[in-house]
């Protein structure tokens, strides 16, 4: 069975975006981008993959999931599908038609993820956001948190689920020179 991984950048105080949904305050240092290109090249947008000369299938994921607000960041920049190299799903209660033939729309996150997990293939990447992560918590198998040396104060939470503790087990970590720590977790067995 395929695994769902929440692979996302976060501030030290647990925010994945500003209150307006932007995330341009995160580190974009060369060492950070090199680490992503080496380990998770499929998570880089197509435009950046082209600049870096990256092509081919991913190492970890062949499917990406986004919430409506996360997807809107790309739309506002004129990008209808930042990840054409992946099977792409956007969860929305407001979009009635996909702006791109390569982007699948769904209104039922849990049902869709369970169907995707039952298929053959590589892993499934949950790109964001916090409300979608909260809805998918029962199905998230692993977390890769790119912990940035930033305190934001407010914004979109890593998981916007209210008080609902979920215990995780650290399976690995790596720090790059710019101070970003890649933290790998899995759900802790009950």
Protein backbone atom coordinates (compact mmCIF):
# COMPACT_ATOMS: atom_id res chain seq x y z
CA UNK A 1 0.00 0.00 0.00
CA UNK A 2 1.24 3.48 -0.87
CA UNK A 3 2.09 5.95 1.88
CA UNK A 4 0.94 9.52 2.33
CA UNK A 5 3.75 11.84 3.41
CA UNK A 6 3.25 15.39 4.61
CA UNK A 7 6.39 17.02 3.17
CA UNK A 8 6.34 20.71 4.04
CA UNK A 9 8.41 23.66 5.21
CA UNK A 10 7.60 25.06 8.65
CA UNK A 11 8.74 27.87 10.90
CA UNK A 12 10.01 27.12 14.39
CA UNK A 13 6.64 28.21 15.75
CA UNK A 14 4.69 25.85 13.47
CA UNK A 15 3.51 27.94 10.52
CA UNK A 16 3.70 26.85 6.87
CA UNK A 17 2.65 30.16 5.33
CA UNK A 18 1.87 33.76 6.18
CA UNK A 19 -1.69 34.72 7.16
CA UNK A 20 -2.21 35.53 3.45
CA UNK A 21 -0.89 32.15 2.25
CA UNK A 22 2.53 33.24 0.99
CA UNK A 23 5.69 31.41 1.94
CA UNK A 24 8.44 33.56 0.41
CA UNK A 25 10.03 34.09 3.84
CA UNK A 26 11.41 30.53 3.91
CA UNK A 27 15.06 29.81 3.19
CA UNK A 28 15.93 29.52 -0.47
CA UNK A 29 19.64 29.24 0.10
CA UNK A 30 21.63 27.17 -2.43
CA UNK A 31 22.42 24.43 0.12
CA UNK A 32 18.74 24.04 0.96
CA UNK A 33 17.71 23.83 -2.69
CA UNK A 34 20.61 21.43 -3.40
CA UNK A 35 19.40 19.16 -0.59
CA UNK A 36 15.88 19.11 -2.01
CA UNK A 37 17.15 18.53 -5.57
CA UNK A 38 19.26 15.60 -4.37
CA UNK A 39 16.70 13.89 -2.13
CA UNK A 40 13.25 15.04 -3.25
CA UNK A 41 13.64 16.40 -6.81
CA UNK A 42 10.03 15.64 -7.68
CA UNK A 43 8.86 18.19 -5.09
CA UNK A 44 10.42 21.07 -7.00
CA UNK A 45 8.14 22.97 -9.39
CA UNK A 46 8.57 22.18 -13.08
CA UNK A 47 10.03 25.60 -13.87
CA UNK A 48 12.80 25.14 -11.29
CA UNK A 49 13.37 21.51 -12.34
CA UNK A 50 13.99 22.75 -15.89
CA UNK A 51 16.56 25.31 -14.70
CA UNK A 52 18.33 22.60 -12.69
CA UNK A 53 18.18 20.10 -15.56
CA UNK A 54 16.06 17.67 -13.53
CA UNK A 55 13.79 15.26 -15.33
CA UNK A 56 12.39 11.81 -14.98
CA UNK A 57 10.28 10.17 -12.32
CA UNK A 58 10.50 10.99 -8.66
CA UNK A 59 12.43 9.08 -6.07
CA UNK A 60 9.68 9.13 -3.44
CA UNK A 61 6.44 10.46 -4.92
CA UNK A 62 4.42 10.17 -8.10
CA UNK A 63 1.36 12.02 -6.80
CA UNK A 64 0.91 15.46 -5.19
CA UNK A 65 -2.04 16.75 -3.15
CA UNK A 66 -2.79 20.41 -2.49
CA UNK A 67 -5.49 22.31 -0.71
CA UNK A 68 -7.28 25.07 -2.56
CA UNK A 69 -5.37 27.90 -0.87
CA UNK A 70 -1.97 26.32 -1.52
CA UNK A 71 -2.91 25.84 -5.16
CA UNK A 72 -4.07 29.46 -5.39
CA UNK A 73 -0.50 30.70 -4.79
CA UNK A 74 0.51 29.18 -8.13
CA UNK A 75 -2.63 30.37 -9.87
CA UNK A 76 -1.94 33.94 -8.71
CA UNK A 77 1.49 33.64 -10.34
CA UNK A 78 -0.06 32.36 -13.59
CA UNK A 79 0.92 28.71 -13.00
CA UNK A 80 -1.96 26.27 -13.43
CA UNK A 81 0.14 23.14 -12.75
CA UNK A 82 3.47 23.51 -10.97
CA UNK A 83 3.90 19.71 -10.92
CA UNK A 84 3.00 18.32 -14.37
CA UNK A 85 5.50 15.50 -13.76
CA UNK A 86 3.24 14.19 -10.94
CA UNK A 87 -0.38 13.06 -10.78
CA UNK A 88 -1.87 16.22 -9.30
CA UNK A 89 -4.94 16.62 -7.07
CA UNK A 90 -6.42 19.81 -5.66
CA UNK A 91 -9.07 19.63 -2.96
CA UNK A 92 -11.65 22.37 -3.20
CA UNK A 93 -15.26 23.02 -2.34
CA UNK A 94 -15.30 26.15 -4.54
CA UNK A 95 -13.56 25.20 -7.80
CA UNK A 96 -16.00 23.57 -10.19
CA UNK A 97 -13.64 23.18 -13.14
CA UNK A 98 -9.91 22.54 -13.18
CA UNK A 99 -7.85 25.37 -14.67
CA UNK A 100 -5.47 22.74 -16.09
CA UNK A 101 -6.15 19.35 -17.73
CA UNK A 102 -3.35 17.83 -15.62
CA UNK A 103 -4.93 18.85 -12.31
CA UNK A 104 -7.67 16.67 -10.84
CA UNK A 105 -10.24 18.28 -8.55
CA UNK A 106 -11.81 16.53 -5.58
CA UNK A 107 -14.19 17.53 -2.82
CA UNK A 108 -13.58 14.37 -0.76
CA UNK A 109 -10.01 14.29 0.62
CA UNK A 110 -10.26 11.18 2.81
CA UNK A 111 -12.06 9.11 0.18
CA UNK A 112 -9.67 10.22 -2.58
CA UNK A 113 -6.56 9.52 -0.50
CA UNK A 114 -7.80 6.07 0.47
CA UNK A 115 -8.42 5.29 -3.21
CA UNK A 116 -4.95 6.59 -4.16
CA UNK A 117 -3.27 4.57 -1.40
CA UNK A 118 -4.89 1.38 -2.70
CA UNK A 119 -3.34 1.86 -6.16
CA UNK A 120 0.13 0.77 -7.21
CA UNK A 121 2.80 3.41 -7.42
CA UNK A 122 5.22 5.53 -5.46
CA UNK A 123 4.29 7.59 -2.43
CA UNK A 124 1.77 10.40 -2.22
CA UNK A 125 2.98 13.87 -1.26
CA UNK A 126 0.76 16.16 0.75
CA UNK A 127 2.09 19.58 -0.23
CA UNK A 128 -0.21 21.69 1.98
CA UNK A 129 -2.09 23.28 3.65
CA UNK A 130 -2.83 23.10 7.31
CA UNK A 131 -6.60 22.57 7.07
CA UNK A 132 -6.15 19.77 4.53
CA UNK A 133 -3.46 18.19 6.73
CA UNK A 134 -5.89 18.25 9.65
CA UNK A 135 -8.56 16.54 7.57
CA UNK A 136 -6.10 13.90 6.36
CA UNK A 137 -4.42 13.22 9.74
CA UNK A 138 -5.83 9.67 9.98
CA UNK A 139 -4.19 8.83 6.64
CA UNK A 140 -0.79 10.56 7.01
CA UNK A 141 1.84 7.86 7.39
CA UNK A 142 5.00 9.97 7.46
CA UNK A 143 6.13 13.55 7.88
CA UNK A 144 9.14 15.33 6.44
CA UNK A 145 9.23 18.73 8.08
CA UNK A 146 11.74 21.21 6.69
CA UNK A 147 12.14 23.21 9.88
CA UNK A 148 13.33 26.70 8.99
CA UNK A 149 15.17 28.98 11.41
CA UNK A 150 12.33 31.50 11.29
CA UNK A 151 9.74 32.62 13.82
CA UNK A 152 6.65 33.96 12.06
CA UNK A 153 4.34 34.79 14.95
CA UNK A 154 1.19 33.90 13.05
CA UNK A 155 0.03 32.41 9.79
CA UNK A 156 -1.28 29.13 8.46
CA UNK A 157 -0.61 26.36 10.95
CA UNK A 158 1.30 23.19 10.08
CA UNK A 159 -1.84 21.27 11.06
CA UNK A 160 -4.95 23.28 11.80
CA UNK A 161 -6.82 20.68 13.84
CA UNK A 162 -7.27 22.29 17.24
CA UNK A 163 -5.91 20.41 20.23
CA UNK A 164 -5.56 16.81 19.05
CA UNK A 165 -2.19 15.27 20.01
CA UNK A 166 -0.73 12.71 17.61
CA UNK A 167 2.48 11.04 18.76
CA UNK A 168 5.23 10.60 16.19
CA UNK A 169 8.54 8.78 16.10
CA UNK A 170 11.64 10.50 14.75
CA UNK A 171 13.29 8.32 12.10
CA UNK A 172 15.96 10.70 10.86
CA UNK A 173 17.22 14.25 10.69
CA UNK A 174 19.67 16.29 8.70
CA UNK A 175 20.76 19.90 9.00
CA UNK A 176 22.01 21.96 6.08
CA UNK A 177 24.42 24.86 6.46
CA UNK A 178 21.71 27.52 6.14
CA UNK A 179 20.12 26.14 9.31
CA UNK A 180 17.16 24.24 7.86
CA UNK A 181 16.64 20.92 9.62
CA UNK A 182 14.96 18.10 7.70
CA UNK A 183 13.03 16.07 10.28
CA UNK A 184 11.60 12.68 9.33
CA UNK A 185 8.79 11.20 11.40
CA UNK A 186 6.35 8.30 11.21
CA UNK A 187 3.22 7.72 13.22
CA UNK A 188 4.04 6.08 16.51
CA UNK A 189 2.40 2.70 16.97
CA UNK A 190 -0.30 2.82 19.62
